[in-house]
Amino acid sequence: MHRHLLLALLAPVLLSGCGVKLAYNNLDRIIPWVVDDYIEFDDLQEEYFEAELESILYWHRTTQLSVYAASLRHFDADLSDGLTLEELLTMEEQVLDASRRIRGRFVPMAAEILHSTSLQQRLDIKRRFDRRNAKYLKPIADLDIDGERKRWRRDFQDGFEFFVGRASRAQADRIERIAADYVPEERMWIEYRERWQRRVFALMDQQLSYPELLLRIREMVDHRERWYGAEYDEVMRRNERLYRGLAVDLANSLSERQQRALSKRLLAWAKAFEALALDADPQQPPLACMAGCPVYAGGAGYSSNINQPIR
């Protein structure tokens, strides 16, 4: 679930102009829609989720969007005179830092909900995750290694052209050559995902106290690499080197038209994030909680700010 919550929060980065604002301002609808694929809430869980999500989105709008805007403006300046590997790695680390901060806010909420699940909900969650994993596997199930490489090449070129417009013949050829060295990793990612999920399910079945469950879930989220396995870890690192080398090569091959298109997109995102940050509600919503309340009243939901029921 965490991966999709992150994608839902970062989804506006795949859009441009007013699309960013429209998507971001509807995250309170988009995220519940994503989560609904994984769990059917009872009334108290749903009430808690909606209240805590409001608090998280307020935090994100008021503290994170200005950071994203500054990073985008800095990256645009880096690109204006060519991109180095060091500059790319700096931007990559900033993106990873952003995702870590988001995870840090979502993990307590996830632990609260998992702690509150009934046996029937836990069984249903397992079925839903199995169904989702099968859905991820379906597009590649019948592909051989060449088919997976062609799929990767197409997706990579589509992403590149989203940013800069139509690729030149030389750029397309460069992507084609790198695709021949790409090691397909989607199946390994699904296997890792299944291993990680099985461990979460085992923790849920132990019916741990909320503080213990939160500690364990946080550790699992912060150290997901423990479930990668040696093969996936090696392949992922190898492919990362390919991505970085290709990204630097392509960034330094941009025509003036492509450079203008990329700069326009990056700066449009930065402006949109700045405007969204300024559009925050002046009143901070209270934090919500169930088992994590300062006073735990037999499962009733309380606001951790005012120690009153969220109902």
Foldseek 3Di string as FASTA:
>chain_A
DLVVLLCQCCVLLLDFFCSSVVSLVCSLPVNVVVCVLQFDDDPQLVLQVSQQVLLLSLCCLQPPLLVLLVLLVVLLVCLVVAHDLVSVVVSVVSVVVSSVVSCVSCLLSVLQRLLPDDPVRLVRNVVSLVVVLVVLCVVCVPPDFVRLLVVVLVVVLVVLCSQQNHDDPVLSVLSVVLSVVQGDQSVLVSQLVVQLVVVLSVLSVVSDQSVVSSVVSVVCVVPSVVSSDPVNVVNVVVVVVSVSVSVRVVSRVDDPRRSVSNSNRSNRSSVSSVVSSVPRDPDRRFRKGFSPAPDHDPRFIAGNVPRHGSD
